[in-house]
Full PDB file with SEQRES, HELIX, SHEET, SSBOND, CRYST1, ORIGX, SCALE, CONECT and MASTER records, all heavy atoms in Angstrom:
SEQRES   1 A   34  LEU SER ASP PHE PHE VAL PHE PHE LYS PRO LYS ASP VAL          
SEQRES   2 A   34  LEU SER GLY ASP PHE TYR TRP MET GLU GLU VAL THR THR          
SEQRES   3 A   34  SER GLY LYS ASN PRO GLN ARG PHE                              
CRYST1    1.000    1.000    1.000  90.00  90.00  90.00 P 1           1          
ORIGX1      1.000000  0.000000  0.000000        0.00000                         
ORIGX2      0.000000  1.000000  0.000000        0.00000                         
ORIGX3      0.000000  0.000000  1.000000        0.00000                         
SCALE1      1.000000  0.000000  0.000000        0.00000                         
SCALE2      0.000000  1.000000  0.000000        0.00000                         
SCALE3      0.000000  0.000000  1.000000        0.00000                         
ATOM      1  N   LEU A   1      -6.203   5.006  -6.159  1.00  0.00           N  
ATOM      2  CA  LEU A   1      -5.443   5.502  -7.257  1.00  0.00           C  
ATOM      3  C   LEU A   1      -5.925   5.045  -8.654  1.00  0.00           C  
ATOM      4  O   LEU A   1      -6.462   3.904  -8.763  1.00  0.00           O  
ATOM      5  CB  LEU A   1      -3.965   4.965  -7.127  1.00  0.00           C  
ATOM      6  CG  LEU A   1      -3.070   5.106  -5.933  1.00  0.00           C  
ATOM      7  CD1 LEU A   1      -1.828   4.328  -5.986  1.00  0.00           C  
ATOM      8  CD2 LEU A   1      -2.771   6.667  -5.751  1.00  0.00           C  
ATOM      9  N   SER A   2      -6.016   6.005  -9.511  1.00  0.00           N  
ATOM     10  CA  SER A   2      -6.617   5.666 -10.806  1.00  0.00           C  
ATOM     11  C   SER A   2      -5.471   5.275 -11.878  1.00  0.00           C  
ATOM     12  O   SER A   2      -5.794   4.548 -12.782  1.00  0.00           O  
ATOM     13  CB  SER A   2      -7.319   6.838 -11.411  1.00  0.00           C  
ATOM     14  OG  SER A   2      -6.411   7.954 -11.594  1.00  0.00           O  
ATOM     15  N   ASP A   3      -4.290   5.627 -11.573  1.00  0.00           N  
ATOM     16  CA  ASP A   3      -3.190   5.279 -12.474  1.00  0.00           C  
ATOM     17  C   ASP A   3      -1.989   4.693 -11.678  1.00  0.00           C  
ATOM     18  O   ASP A   3      -1.327   5.314 -10.940  1.00  0.00           O  
ATOM     19  CB  ASP A   3      -2.761   6.516 -13.267  1.00  0.00           C  
ATOM     20  CG  ASP A   3      -1.771   6.226 -14.342  1.00  0.00           C  
ATOM     21  OD1 ASP A   3      -1.545   4.961 -14.646  1.00  0.00           O  
ATOM     22  OD2 ASP A   3      -1.243   7.150 -14.902  1.00  0.00           O  
ATOM     23  N   PHE A   4      -1.840   3.345 -11.862  1.00  0.00           N  
ATOM     24  CA  PHE A   4      -0.770   2.625 -10.996  1.00  0.00           C  
ATOM     25  C   PHE A   4      -0.470   1.383 -11.711  1.00  0.00           C  
ATOM     26  O   PHE A   4      -1.204   0.928 -12.546  1.00  0.00           O  
ATOM     27  CB  PHE A   4      -1.241   2.371  -9.567  1.00  0.00           C  
ATOM     28  CG  PHE A   4      -2.277   1.217  -9.454  1.00  0.00           C  
ATOM     29  CD1 PHE A   4      -1.739  -0.055  -9.177  1.00  0.00           C  
ATOM     30  CD2 PHE A   4      -3.641   1.473  -9.617  1.00  0.00           C  
ATOM     31  CE1 PHE A   4      -2.765  -1.089  -9.086  1.00  0.00           C  
ATOM     32  CE2 PHE A   4      -4.438   0.497  -9.598  1.00  0.00           C  
ATOM     33  CZ  PHE A   4      -4.042  -0.795  -9.286  1.00  0.00           C  
ATOM     34  N   PHE A   5       0.653   0.772 -11.368  1.00  0.00           N  
ATOM     35  CA  PHE A   5       0.980  -0.485 -11.777  1.00  0.00           C  
ATOM     36  C   PHE A   5       1.792  -1.338 -10.759  1.00  0.00           C  
ATOM     37  O   PHE A   5       2.527  -0.586  -9.938  1.00  0.00           O  
ATOM     38  CB  PHE A   5       1.710  -0.655 -13.187  1.00  0.00           C  
ATOM     39  CG  PHE A   5       3.132  -0.260 -13.189  1.00  0.00           C  
ATOM     40  CD1 PHE A   5       4.148  -1.141 -12.901  1.00  0.00           C  
ATOM     41  CD2 PHE A   5       3.468   1.204 -13.297  1.00  0.00           C  
ATOM     42  CE1 PHE A   5       5.403  -0.741 -12.872  1.00  0.00           C  
ATOM     43  CE2 PHE A   5       4.843   1.457 -13.302  1.00  0.00           C  
ATOM     44  CZ  PHE A   5       5.807   0.549 -13.095  1.00  0.00           C  
ATOM     45  N   VAL A   6       1.694  -2.583 -10.664  1.00  0.00           N  
ATOM     46  CA  VAL A   6       2.421  -3.333  -9.699  1.00  0.00           C  
ATOM     47  C   VAL A   6       3.173  -4.408 -10.557  1.00  0.00           C  
ATOM     48  O   VAL A   6       2.486  -5.178 -11.322  1.00  0.00           O  
ATOM     49  CB  VAL A   6       1.728  -4.013  -8.734  1.00  0.00           C  
ATOM     50  CG1 VAL A   6       2.578  -4.944  -7.810  1.00  0.00           C  
ATOM     51  CG2 VAL A   6       1.044  -3.004  -7.750  1.00  0.00           C  
ATOM     52  N   PHE A   7       4.517  -4.487 -10.589  1.00  0.00           N  
ATOM     53  CA  PHE A   7       5.299  -5.547 -11.360  1.00  0.00           C  
ATOM     54  C   PHE A   7       5.844  -6.472 -10.207  1.00  0.00           C  
ATOM     55  O   PHE A   7       6.780  -6.032  -9.435  1.00  0.00           O  
ATOM     56  CB  PHE A   7       6.309  -4.942 -12.217  1.00  0.00           C  
ATOM     57  CG  PHE A   7       7.173  -5.889 -12.995  1.00  0.00           C  
ATOM     58  CD1 PHE A   7       6.641  -6.532 -14.083  1.00  0.00           C  
ATOM     59  CD2 PHE A   7       8.483  -6.286 -12.586  1.00  0.00           C  
ATOM     60  CE1 PHE A   7       7.349  -7.396 -14.782  1.00  0.00           C  
ATOM     61  CE2 PHE A   7       9.187  -7.275 -13.349  1.00  0.00           C  
ATOM     62  CZ  PHE A   7       8.590  -7.766 -14.438  1.00  0.00           C  
ATOM     63  N   PHE A   8       5.318  -7.652 -10.094  1.00  0.00           N  
ATOM     64  CA  PHE A   8       5.638  -8.632  -9.004  1.00  0.00           C  
ATOM     65  C   PHE A   8       5.895  -9.945  -9.735  1.00  0.00           C  
ATOM     66  O   PHE A   8       4.963 -10.634 -10.004  1.00  0.00           O  
ATOM     67  CB  PHE A   8       4.536  -8.603  -7.962  1.00  0.00           C  
ATOM     68  CG  PHE A   8       4.883  -9.398  -6.742  1.00  0.00           C  
ATOM     69  CD1 PHE A   8       6.015  -9.110  -5.904  1.00  0.00           C  
ATOM     70  CD2 PHE A   8       4.043 -10.455  -6.404  1.00  0.00           C  
ATOM     71  CE1 PHE A   8       6.267  -9.915  -4.857  1.00  0.00           C  
ATOM     72  CE2 PHE A   8       4.437 -11.225  -5.256  1.00  0.00           C  
ATOM     73  CZ  PHE A   8       5.506 -10.940  -4.542  1.00  0.00           C  
ATOM     74  N   LYS A   9       7.181 -10.318  -9.787  1.00  0.00           N  
ATOM     75  CA  LYS A   9       7.484 -11.691 -10.348  1.00  0.00           C  
ATOM     76  C   LYS A   9       8.387 -12.334  -9.369  1.00  0.00           C  
ATOM     77  O   LYS A   9       9.645 -12.374  -9.581  1.00  0.00           O  
ATOM     78  CB  LYS A   9       8.175 -11.481 -11.662  1.00  0.00           C  
ATOM     79  CG  LYS A   9       7.430 -10.632 -12.593  1.00  0.00           C  
ATOM     80  CD  LYS A   9       6.279 -11.555 -13.296  1.00  0.00           C  
ATOM     81  CE  LYS A   9       6.890 -12.032 -14.603  1.00  0.00           C  
ATOM     82  NZ  LYS A   9       5.733 -12.739 -15.217  1.00  0.00           N  
ATOM     83  N   PRO A  10       7.842 -13.015  -8.341  1.00  0.00           N  
ATOM     84  CA  PRO A  10       8.813 -13.625  -7.211  1.00  0.00           C  
ATOM     85  C   PRO A  10       9.561 -14.852  -7.896  1.00  0.00           C  
ATOM     86  O   PRO A  10       9.047 -15.468  -8.756  1.00  0.00           O  
ATOM     87  CB  PRO A  10       7.797 -14.042  -6.279  1.00  0.00           C  
ATOM     88  CG  PRO A  10       6.441 -14.172  -6.898  1.00  0.00           C  
ATOM     89  CD  PRO A  10       6.524 -13.147  -7.933  1.00  0.00           C  
ATOM     90  N   LYS A  11      10.853 -14.909  -7.370  1.00  0.00           N  
ATOM     91  CA  LYS A  11      11.653 -16.025  -7.866  1.00  0.00           C  
ATOM     92  C   LYS A  11      11.138 -17.387  -7.386  1.00  0.00           C  
ATOM     93  O   LYS A  11      11.092 -18.348  -8.198  1.00  0.00           O  
ATOM     94  CB  LYS A  11      13.007 -15.922  -7.282  1.00  0.00           C  
ATOM     95  CG  LYS A  11      14.004 -16.880  -7.616  1.00  0.00           C  
ATOM     96  CD  LYS A  11      15.387 -16.729  -6.978  1.00  0.00           C  
ATOM     97  CE  LYS A  11      16.210 -17.958  -7.117  1.00  0.00           C  
ATOM     98  NZ  LYS A  11      16.941 -18.286  -6.001  1.00  0.00           N  
ATOM     99  N   ASP A  12      10.564 -17.457  -6.216  1.00  0.00           N  
ATOM    100  CA  ASP A  12       9.979 -18.788  -5.688  1.00  0.00           C  
ATOM    101  C   ASP A  12       8.384 -18.555  -5.555  1.00  0.00           C  
ATOM    102  O   ASP A  12       7.921 -17.449  -5.554  1.00  0.00           O  
ATOM    103  CB  ASP A  12      10.630 -19.076  -4.373  1.00  0.00           C  
ATOM    104  CG  ASP A  12      12.084 -19.266  -4.525  1.00  0.00           C  
ATOM    105  OD1 ASP A  12      12.547 -20.144  -5.463  1.00  0.00           O  
ATOM    106  OD2 ASP A  12      12.798 -18.537  -3.923  1.00  0.00           O  
ATOM    107  N   VAL A  13       7.739 -19.592  -5.205  1.00  0.00           N  
ATOM    108  CA  VAL A  13       6.227 -19.423  -4.887  1.00  0.00           C  
ATOM    109  C   VAL A  13       6.059 -18.488  -3.675  1.00  0.00           C  
ATOM    110  O   VAL A  13       5.217 -17.670  -3.684  1.00  0.00           O  
ATOM    111  CB  VAL A  13       5.690 -20.851  -4.669  1.00  0.00           C  
ATOM    112  CG1 VAL A  13       4.183 -20.721  -4.192  1.00  0.00           C  
ATOM    113  CG2 VAL A  13       5.876 -21.741  -5.726  1.00  0.00           C  
ATOM    114  N   LEU A  14       6.939 -18.619  -2.704  1.00  0.00           N  
ATOM    115  CA  LEU A  14       6.971 -17.698  -1.579  1.00  0.00           C  
ATOM    116  C   LEU A  14       7.975 -16.639  -1.819  1.00  0.00           C  
ATOM    117  O   LEU A  14       9.071 -17.005  -2.413  1.00  0.00           O  
ATOM    118  CB  LEU A  14       7.193 -18.458  -0.260  1.00  0.00           C  
ATOM    119  CG  LEU A  14       6.179 -19.530   0.109  1.00  0.00           C  
ATOM    120  CD1 LEU A  14       6.640 -20.421   1.287  1.00  0.00           C  
ATOM    121  CD2 LEU A  14       4.800 -18.819   0.428  1.00  0.00           C  
ATOM    122  N   SER A  15       7.788 -15.525  -1.326  1.00  0.00           N  
ATOM    123  CA  SER A  15       8.674 -14.433  -1.648  1.00  0.00           C  
ATOM    124  C   SER A  15       9.032 -13.604  -0.378  1.00  0.00           C  
ATOM    125  O   SER A  15       8.258 -13.411   0.533  1.00  0.00           O  
ATOM    126  CB  SER A  15       8.033 -13.485  -2.618  1.00  0.00           C  
ATOM    127  OG  SER A  15       8.851 -12.359  -2.870  1.00  0.00           O  
ATOM    128  N   GLY A  16      10.263 -13.034  -0.411  1.00  0.00           N  
ATOM    129  CA  GLY A  16      10.558 -12.121   0.722  1.00  0.00           C  
ATOM    130  C   GLY A  16      10.255 -10.649   0.390  1.00  0.00           C  
ATOM    131  O   GLY A  16      10.457  -9.931   1.187  1.00  0.00           O  
ATOM    132  N   ASP A  17       9.746 -10.420  -0.870  1.00  0.00           N  
ATOM    133  CA  ASP A  17       9.389  -9.096  -1.193  1.00  0.00           C  
ATOM    134  C   ASP A  17       7.804  -8.932  -0.999  1.00  0.00           C  
ATOM    135  O   ASP A  17       7.127  -9.993  -1.270  1.00  0.00           O  
ATOM    136  CB  ASP A  17       9.661  -8.755  -2.742  1.00  0.00           C  
ATOM    137  CG  ASP A  17      11.169  -8.630  -2.958  1.00  0.00           C  
ATOM    138  OD1 ASP A  17      11.969  -8.892  -1.997  1.00  0.00           O  
ATOM    139  OD2 ASP A  17      11.501  -8.301  -4.054  1.00  0.00           O  
ATOM    140  N   PHE A  18       7.286  -7.787  -0.705  1.00  0.00           N  
ATOM    141  CA  PHE A  18       6.022  -7.578  -0.602  1.00  0.00           C  
ATOM    142  C   PHE A  18       5.643  -6.171  -0.766  1.00  0.00           C  
ATOM    143  O   PHE A  18       6.451  -5.224  -0.611  1.00  0.00           O  
ATOM    144  CB  PHE A  18       5.315  -8.101   0.625  1.00  0.00           C  
ATOM    145  CG  PHE A  18       5.540  -7.446   1.886  1.00  0.00           C  
ATOM    146  CD1 PHE A  18       4.773  -6.413   2.381  1.00  0.00           C  
ATOM    147  CD2 PHE A  18       6.690  -7.802   2.702  1.00  0.00           C  
ATOM    148  CE1 PHE A  18       5.143  -5.648   3.544  1.00  0.00           C  
ATOM    149  CE2 PHE A  18       7.026  -7.144   3.889  1.00  0.00           C  
ATOM    150  CZ  PHE A  18       6.281  -6.045   4.185  1.00  0.00           C  
ATOM    151  N   TYR A  19       4.382  -5.861  -1.175  1.00  0.00           N  
ATOM    152  CA  TYR A  19       3.873  -4.451  -1.238  1.00  0.00           C  
ATOM    153  C   TYR A  19       2.617  -4.354  -0.374  1.00  0.00           C  
ATOM    154  O   TYR A  19       1.892  -5.221  -0.187  1.00  0.00           O  
ATOM    155  CB  TYR A  19       3.704  -3.959  -2.683  1.00  0.00           C  
ATOM    156  CG  TYR A  19       2.712  -4.781  -3.491  1.00  0.00           C  
ATOM    157  CD1 TYR A  19       1.439  -4.411  -3.501  1.00  0.00           C  
ATOM    158  CD2 TYR A  19       3.132  -5.831  -4.079  1.00  0.00           C  
ATOM    159  CE1 TYR A  19       0.512  -5.207  -4.276  1.00  0.00           C  
ATOM    160  CE2 TYR A  19       2.268  -6.685  -4.834  1.00  0.00           C  
ATOM    161  CZ  TYR A  19       0.901  -6.315  -4.939  1.00  0.00           C  
ATOM    162  OH  TYR A  19      -0.049  -7.063  -5.623  1.00  0.00           O  
ATOM    163  N   TRP A  20       2.470  -3.107   0.203  1.00  0.00           N  
ATOM    164  CA  TRP A  20       1.400  -2.858   1.200  1.00  0.00           C  
ATOM    165  C   TRP A  20       0.833  -1.493   1.014  1.00  0.00           C  
ATOM    166  O   TRP A  20       1.585  -0.577   0.837  1.00  0.00           O  
ATOM    167  CB  TRP A  20       2.054  -3.067   2.550  1.00  0.00           C  
ATOM    168  CG  TRP A  20       1.218  -2.728   3.790  1.00  0.00           C  
ATOM    169  CD1 TRP A  20       0.346  -3.644   4.411  1.00  0.00           C  
ATOM    170  CD2 TRP A  20       1.077  -1.589   4.454  1.00  0.00           C  
ATOM    171  NE1 TRP A  20      -0.233  -2.936   5.438  1.00  0.00           N  
ATOM    172  CE2 TRP A  20       0.273  -1.714   5.514  1.00  0.00           C  
ATOM    173  CE3 TRP A  20       1.788  -0.390   4.431  1.00  0.00           C  
ATOM    174  CZ2 TRP A  20      -0.075  -0.716   6.445  1.00  0.00           C  
ATOM    175  CZ3 TRP A  20       1.529   0.699   5.254  1.00  0.00           C  
ATOM    176  CH2 TRP A  20       0.615   0.462   6.313  1.00  0.00           C  
ATOM    177  N   MET A  21      -0.551  -1.412   1.154  1.00  0.00           N  
ATOM    178  CA  MET A  21      -1.056  -0.110   1.036  1.00  0.00           C  
ATOM    179  C   MET A  21      -2.306   0.000   1.921  1.00  0.00           C  
ATOM    180  O   MET A  21      -3.103  -1.019   1.926  1.00  0.00           O  
ATOM    181  CB  MET A  21      -1.512   0.199  -0.447  1.00  0.00           C  
ATOM    182  CG  MET A  21      -1.931   1.536  -0.753  1.00  0.00           C  
ATOM    183  SD  MET A  21      -2.273   1.793  -2.560  1.00  0.00           S  
ATOM    184  CE  MET A  21      -0.593   2.007  -3.105  1.00  0.00           C  
ATOM    185  N   GLU A  22      -2.446   1.089   2.646  1.00  0.00           N  
ATOM    186  CA  GLU A  22      -3.693   1.233   3.438  1.00  0.00           C  
ATOM    187  C   GLU A  22      -4.005   2.780   3.629  1.00  0.00           C  
ATOM    188  O   GLU A  22      -3.096   3.581   3.383  1.00  0.00           O  
ATOM    189  CB  GLU A  22      -3.570   0.645   4.850  1.00  0.00           C  
ATOM    190  CG  GLU A  22      -3.501  -0.848   4.924  1.00  0.00           C  
ATOM    191  CD  GLU A  22      -3.697  -1.546   6.255  1.00  0.00           C  
ATOM    192  OE1 GLU A  22      -4.358  -0.878   7.136  1.00  0.00           O  
ATOM    193  OE2 GLU A  22      -3.414  -2.672   6.371  1.00  0.00           O  
ATOM    194  N   GLU A  23      -5.289   3.091   3.931  1.00  0.00           N  
ATOM    195  CA  GLU A  23      -5.573   4.435   4.256  1.00  0.00           C  
ATOM    196  C   GLU A  23      -5.743   4.665   5.813  1.00  0.00           C  
ATOM    197  O   GLU A  23      -6.270   3.740   6.456  1.00  0.00           O  
ATOM    198  CB  GLU A  23      -6.924   4.735   3.509  1.00  0.00           C  
ATOM    199  CG  GLU A  23      -7.498   6.130   3.769  1.00  0.00           C  
ATOM    200  CD  GLU A  23      -8.798   6.386   3.113  1.00  0.00           C  
ATOM    201  OE1 GLU A  23      -9.154   5.749   2.189  1.00  0.00           O  
ATOM    202  OE2 GLU A  23      -9.588   7.237   3.669  1.00  0.00           O  
ATOM    203  N   VAL A  24      -5.322   5.794   6.212  1.00  0.00           N  
ATOM    204  CA  VAL A  24      -5.539   6.176   7.693  1.00  0.00           C  
ATOM    205  C   VAL A  24      -6.100   7.536   7.719  1.00  0.00           C  
ATOM    206  O   VAL A  24      -5.820   8.392   6.898  1.00  0.00           O  
ATOM    207  CB  VAL A  24      -4.187   6.057   8.456  1.00  0.00           C  
ATOM    208  CG1 VAL A  24      -3.650   4.594   8.509  1.00  0.00           C  
ATOM    209  CG2 VAL A  24      -3.243   6.993   7.893  1.00  0.00           C  
ATOM    210  N   THR A  25      -6.884   7.840   8.709  1.00  0.00           N  
ATOM    211  CA  THR A  25      -7.395   9.200   9.060  1.00  0.00           C  
ATOM    212  C   THR A  25      -6.880   9.585  10.428  1.00  0.00           C  
ATOM    213  O   THR A  25      -7.045   8.773  11.448  1.00  0.00           O  
ATOM    214  CB  THR A  25      -8.956   9.155   8.989  1.00  0.00           C  
ATOM    215  OG1 THR A  25      -9.340   8.751   7.682  1.00  0.00           O  
ATOM    216  CG2 THR A  25      -9.416  10.673   9.201  1.00  0.00           C  
ATOM    217  N   THR A  26      -6.300  10.707  10.525  1.00  0.00           N  
ATOM    218  CA  THR A  26      -5.736  11.084  11.770  1.00  0.00           C  
ATOM    219  C   THR A  26      -6.890  11.515  12.779  1.00  0.00           C  
ATOM    220  O   THR A  26      -7.930  11.842  12.286  1.00  0.00           O  
ATOM    221  CB  THR A  26      -4.818  12.484  11.656  1.00  0.00           C  
ATOM    222  OG1 THR A  26      -5.547  13.449  11.095  1.00  0.00           O  
ATOM    223  CG2 THR A  26      -3.575  12.027  10.823  1.00  0.00           C  
ATOM    224  N   SER A  27      -6.686  11.559  14.040  1.00  0.00           N  
ATOM    225  CA  SER A  27      -7.648  11.920  15.005  1.00  0.00           C  
ATOM    226  C   SER A  27      -7.480  13.346  15.356  1.00  0.00           C  
ATOM    227  O   SER A  27      -6.550  14.034  14.887  1.00  0.00           O  
ATOM    228  CB  SER A  27      -7.480  11.105  16.344  1.00  0.00           C  
ATOM    229  OG  SER A  27      -6.121  11.172  16.858  1.00  0.00           O  
ATOM    230  N   GLY A  28      -8.404  14.042  16.076  1.00  0.00           N  
ATOM    231  CA  GLY A  28      -8.248  15.426  16.440  1.00  0.00           C  
ATOM    232  C   GLY A  28      -9.257  16.204  15.789  1.00  0.00           C  
ATOM    233  O   GLY A  28     -10.198  15.669  15.074  1.00  0.00           O  
ATOM    234  N   LYS A  29      -9.147  17.572  15.883  1.00  0.00           N  
ATOM    235  CA  LYS A  29     -10.156  18.510  15.470  1.00  0.00           C  
ATOM    236  C   LYS A  29     -10.153  18.602  13.952  1.00  0.00           C  
ATOM    237  O   LYS A  29     -11.236  18.745  13.266  1.00  0.00           O  
ATOM    238  CB  LYS A  29      -9.805  19.924  15.935  1.00  0.00           C  
ATOM    239  CG  LYS A  29     -10.128  20.047  17.456  1.00  0.00           C  
ATOM    240  CD  LYS A  29      -9.953  21.497  17.937  1.00  0.00           C  
ATOM    241  CE  LYS A  29     -10.276  21.721  19.424  1.00  0.00           C  
ATOM    242  NZ  LYS A  29      -9.970  22.992  19.839  1.00  0.00           N  
ATOM    243  N   ASN A  30      -8.998  18.484  13.317  1.00  0.00           N  
ATOM    244  CA  ASN A  30      -8.935  18.567  11.781  1.00  0.00           C  
ATOM    245  C   ASN A  30      -8.280  17.268  11.270  1.00  0.00           C  
ATOM    246  O   ASN A  30      -7.154  17.093  10.984  1.00  0.00           O  
ATOM    247  CB  ASN A  30      -7.979  19.722  11.374  1.00  0.00           C  
ATOM    248  CG  ASN A  30      -8.541  21.101  11.846  1.00  0.00           C  
ATOM    249  OD1 ASN A  30      -9.689  21.342  11.644  1.00  0.00           O  
ATOM    250  ND2 ASN A  30      -7.644  21.816  12.637  1.00  0.00           N  
ATOM    251  N   PRO A  31      -9.196  16.278  11.149  1.00  0.00           N  
ATOM    252  CA  PRO A  31      -8.743  14.910  10.728  1.00  0.00           C  
ATOM    253  C   PRO A  31      -8.244  15.041   9.295  1.00  0.00           C  
ATOM    254  O   PRO A  31      -8.862  15.744   8.479  1.00  0.00           O  
ATOM    255  CB  PRO A  31      -9.960  14.013  10.793  1.00  0.00           C  
ATOM    256  CG  PRO A  31     -11.133  14.937  10.879  1.00  0.00           C  
ATOM    257  CD  PRO A  31     -10.641  16.244  11.491  1.00  0.00           C  
ATOM    258  N   GLN A  32      -7.153  14.354   8.944  1.00  0.00           N  
ATOM    259  CA  GLN A  32      -6.594  14.312   7.524  1.00  0.00           C  
ATOM    260  C   GLN A  32      -6.478  12.766   7.152  1.00  0.00           C  
ATOM    261  O   GLN A  32      -6.188  12.001   7.883  1.00  0.00           O  
ATOM    262  CB  GLN A  32      -5.227  15.127   7.548  1.00  0.00           C  
ATOM    263  CG  GLN A  32      -5.288  16.495   7.943  1.00  0.00           C  
ATOM    264  CD  GLN A  32      -3.909  17.118   7.948  1.00  0.00           C  
ATOM    265  OE1 GLN A  32      -2.973  16.599   8.470  1.00  0.00           O  
ATOM    266  NE2 GLN A  32      -3.800  18.148   7.183  1.00  0.00           N  
ATOM    267  N   ARG A  33      -6.776  12.718   5.850  1.00  0.00           N  
ATOM    268  CA  ARG A  33      -6.629  11.365   5.265  1.00  0.00           C  
ATOM    269  C   ARG A  33      -5.247  11.217   4.530  1.00  0.00           C  
ATOM    270  O   ARG A  33      -4.880  12.044   3.810  1.00  0.00           O  
ATOM    271  CB  ARG A  33      -7.761  11.185   4.195  1.00  0.00           C  
ATOM    272  CG  ARG A  33      -9.211  11.085   4.812  1.00  0.00           C  
ATOM    273  CD  ARG A  33     -10.221  11.091   3.717  1.00  0.00           C  
ATOM    274  NE  ARG A  33     -10.132   9.968   2.739  1.00  0.00           N  
ATOM    275  CZ  ARG A  33     -10.084  10.084   1.443  1.00  0.00           C  
ATOM    276  NH1 ARG A  33     -10.224  11.279   0.836  1.00  0.00           N  
ATOM    277  NH2 ARG A  33      -9.963   8.983   0.693  1.00  0.00           N  
ATOM    278  N   PHE A  34      -4.741  10.000   4.866  1.00  0.00           N  
ATOM    279  CA  PHE A  34      -3.419   9.685   4.241  1.00  0.00           C  
ATOM    280  C   PHE A  34      -3.474   8.311   3.640  1.00  0.00           C  
ATOM    281  O   PHE A  34      -4.084   7.508   4.083  1.00  0.00           O  
ATOM    282  CB  PHE A  34      -2.267   9.655   5.339  1.00  0.00           C  
ATOM    283  CG  PHE A  34      -1.922  10.980   5.828  1.00  0.00           C  
ATOM    284  CD1 PHE A  34      -2.598  11.572   6.898  1.00  0.00           C  
ATOM    285  CD2 PHE A  34      -0.770  11.617   5.292  1.00  0.00           C  
ATOM    286  CE1 PHE A  34      -2.106  12.811   7.413  1.00  0.00           C  
ATOM    287  CE2 PHE A  34      -0.335  12.905   5.768  1.00  0.00           C  
ATOM    288  CZ  PHE A  34      -1.093  13.510   6.821  1.00  0.00           C  
TER     289      PHE A  34                                                      
MASTER        0    0    0    0    0    0    0    6  288    1    0    3          
END                                                                             
């Protein structure tokens, strides 16, 4: 992504909130990137 932001200000040093991002490519004849 060229244009994004993350605002993450946990209350404690350890947090119950998190964000996650990964890329996957499907298998098969016409693979697609997600």
